N, C-alpha and C. Protein backbone atom coordinates (compact mmCIF):
# COMPACT_ATOMS: atom_id res chain seq x y z
N MET A 1 -21.61 2.50 -43.18
CA MET A 1 -20.76 3.51 -42.57
C MET A 1 -20.25 2.98 -41.23
N ALA A 2 -18.97 3.08 -41.03
CA ALA A 2 -18.34 2.59 -39.80
C ALA A 2 -18.61 3.56 -38.65
N ARG A 3 -18.68 2.98 -37.47
CA ARG A 3 -18.90 3.83 -36.29
C ARG A 3 -17.62 4.55 -35.91
N LYS A 4 -17.79 5.74 -35.42
CA LYS A 4 -16.66 6.56 -35.00
C LYS A 4 -16.19 6.06 -33.61
N PRO A 5 -14.88 5.86 -33.42
CA PRO A 5 -14.39 5.40 -32.12
C PRO A 5 -14.62 6.46 -31.03
N ASN A 6 -14.93 5.98 -29.85
CA ASN A 6 -15.19 6.88 -28.73
C ASN A 6 -13.90 7.02 -27.92
N TYR A 7 -13.05 7.92 -28.35
CA TYR A 7 -11.75 8.09 -27.70
C TYR A 7 -11.90 8.61 -26.27
N GLY A 8 -12.93 9.39 -26.01
CA GLY A 8 -13.15 9.90 -24.66
C GLY A 8 -13.40 8.77 -23.68
N TYR A 9 -14.18 7.77 -24.11
CA TYR A 9 -14.47 6.62 -23.25
C TYR A 9 -13.19 5.83 -22.99
N GLU A 10 -12.41 5.60 -24.04
CA GLU A 10 -11.16 4.86 -23.90
C GLU A 10 -10.21 5.58 -22.95
N LYS A 11 -10.14 6.88 -23.08
CA LYS A 11 -9.26 7.67 -22.22
C LYS A 11 -9.71 7.57 -20.76
N ARG A 12 -11.01 7.66 -20.55
CA ARG A 12 -11.55 7.58 -19.19
C ARG A 12 -11.26 6.22 -18.57
N GLN A 13 -11.43 5.16 -19.35
CA GLN A 13 -11.16 3.81 -18.84
C GLN A 13 -9.68 3.66 -18.47
N LYS A 14 -8.81 4.23 -19.30
CA LYS A 14 -7.38 4.17 -19.04
C LYS A 14 -7.05 4.92 -17.75
N GLU A 15 -7.67 6.09 -17.57
CA GLU A 15 -7.44 6.88 -16.36
C GLU A 15 -7.93 6.15 -15.12
N LEU A 16 -9.09 5.50 -15.22
CA LEU A 16 -9.63 4.74 -14.08
C LEU A 16 -8.71 3.58 -13.72
N ALA A 17 -8.19 2.88 -14.72
CA ALA A 17 -7.29 1.77 -14.48
C ALA A 17 -6.01 2.26 -13.81
N LYS A 18 -5.51 3.39 -14.28
CA LYS A 18 -4.28 3.97 -13.73
C LYS A 18 -4.50 4.39 -12.27
N LYS A 19 -5.66 4.98 -12.01
CA LYS A 19 -5.99 5.42 -10.65
C LYS A 19 -6.11 4.23 -9.71
N ALA A 20 -6.76 3.17 -10.17
CA ALA A 20 -6.92 1.97 -9.34
C ALA A 20 -5.57 1.33 -9.04
N LYS A 21 -4.69 1.30 -10.02
CA LYS A 21 -3.36 0.73 -9.83
C LYS A 21 -2.57 1.55 -8.82
N LYS A 22 -2.69 2.87 -8.92
CA LYS A 22 -1.97 3.75 -8.00
C LYS A 22 -2.49 3.58 -6.57
N GLU A 23 -3.81 3.48 -6.42
CA GLU A 23 -4.38 3.28 -5.09
C GLU A 23 -3.93 1.95 -4.49
N GLU A 24 -3.87 0.90 -5.31
CA GLU A 24 -3.42 -0.40 -4.84
C GLU A 24 -1.97 -0.33 -4.39
N LYS A 25 -1.15 0.38 -5.15
CA LYS A 25 0.26 0.54 -4.80
C LYS A 25 0.40 1.29 -3.47
N ASN A 26 -0.36 2.38 -3.31
CA ASN A 26 -0.30 3.15 -2.06
C ASN A 26 -0.78 2.31 -0.88
N LYS A 27 -1.81 1.50 -1.10
CA LYS A 27 -2.33 0.63 -0.04
C LYS A 27 -1.27 -0.38 0.38
N ARG A 28 -0.60 -0.97 -0.61
CA ARG A 28 0.44 -1.96 -0.32
C ARG A 28 1.59 -1.32 0.44
N LYS A 29 1.99 -0.11 0.03
CA LYS A 29 3.07 0.59 0.72
C LYS A 29 2.69 0.89 2.17
N GLN A 30 1.44 1.31 2.38
CA GLN A 30 0.98 1.63 3.74
C GLN A 30 0.99 0.38 4.61
N GLU A 31 0.57 -0.76 4.06
CA GLU A 31 0.59 -2.01 4.81
C GLU A 31 2.01 -2.39 5.19
N GLU A 32 2.96 -2.20 4.28
CA GLU A 32 4.36 -2.50 4.56
C GLU A 32 4.87 -1.61 5.70
N LYS A 33 4.52 -0.33 5.67
CA LYS A 33 4.94 0.59 6.73
C LYS A 33 4.35 0.16 8.07
N ASP A 34 3.07 -0.25 8.06
CA ASP A 34 2.42 -0.69 9.29
C ASP A 34 3.12 -1.93 9.85
N GLN A 35 3.49 -2.86 8.97
CA GLN A 35 4.16 -4.08 9.42
C GLN A 35 5.53 -3.75 10.00
N GLU A 36 6.26 -2.84 9.36
CA GLU A 36 7.56 -2.45 9.87
C GLU A 36 7.42 -1.79 11.25
N LYS A 37 6.41 -0.94 11.38
CA LYS A 37 6.19 -0.25 12.65
C LYS A 37 5.85 -1.26 13.74
N LEU A 38 5.01 -2.23 13.41
CA LEU A 38 4.63 -3.26 14.36
C LEU A 38 5.84 -4.10 14.76
N ALA A 39 6.68 -4.43 13.80
CA ALA A 39 7.90 -5.21 14.08
C ALA A 39 8.83 -4.42 15.00
N GLU A 40 8.96 -3.13 14.76
CA GLU A 40 9.81 -2.29 15.61
C GLU A 40 9.27 -2.24 17.04
N GLU A 41 7.95 -2.13 17.17
CA GLU A 41 7.34 -2.09 18.50
C GLU A 41 7.56 -3.41 19.23
N GLN A 42 7.42 -4.52 18.52
CA GLN A 42 7.63 -5.82 19.14
C GLN A 42 9.09 -5.99 19.53
N GLY A 43 9.99 -5.49 18.69
CA GLY A 43 11.42 -5.55 19.01
C GLY A 43 11.74 -4.74 20.26
N ALA A 44 11.11 -3.59 20.40
CA ALA A 44 11.32 -2.75 21.58
C ALA A 44 10.78 -3.45 22.83
N LYS A 45 9.65 -4.12 22.69
CA LYS A 45 9.08 -4.84 23.84
C LYS A 45 9.99 -5.98 24.25
N GLU A 46 10.53 -6.71 23.25
CA GLU A 46 11.42 -7.83 23.55
C GLU A 46 12.68 -7.33 24.25
N GLN A 47 13.22 -6.20 23.81
CA GLN A 47 14.42 -5.65 24.44
C GLN A 47 14.10 -5.24 25.88
N GLY A 48 12.92 -4.71 26.08
CA GLY A 48 12.51 -4.32 27.44
C GLY A 48 12.36 -5.54 28.33
N GLN A 49 11.88 -6.63 27.81
CA GLN A 49 11.73 -7.87 28.59
C GLN A 49 13.10 -8.45 28.93
N GLU A 50 14.03 -8.39 27.98
CA GLU A 50 15.37 -8.91 28.23
C GLU A 50 16.06 -8.11 29.34
N THR A 51 15.87 -6.81 29.35
CA THR A 51 16.48 -5.95 30.35
C THR A 51 15.93 -6.28 31.73
N SER A 52 14.62 -6.45 31.85
CA SER A 52 14.02 -6.74 33.14
C SER A 52 14.36 -8.16 33.59
N ALA A 53 14.58 -9.09 32.66
CA ALA A 53 14.92 -10.44 33.02
C ALA A 53 16.35 -10.52 33.57
N GLU A 54 17.22 -9.65 33.10
CA GLU A 54 18.61 -9.65 33.56
C GLU A 54 18.74 -9.09 34.97
N GLU A 55 17.81 -8.25 35.39
CA GLU A 55 17.88 -7.60 36.70
C GLU A 55 17.58 -8.52 37.79
């Protein structure tokens, strides 16, 4: 007699994989936002230095 497939286990594994992928995507997006914010801050500092150097 063949064993009955455990569809509940397969579904749970699929959900876990989907959740992990979503978390990784959100983490990557957050890192990109942080880098953009850091770049903007550095750009603002550089503009401030240029202004004081001209005076």
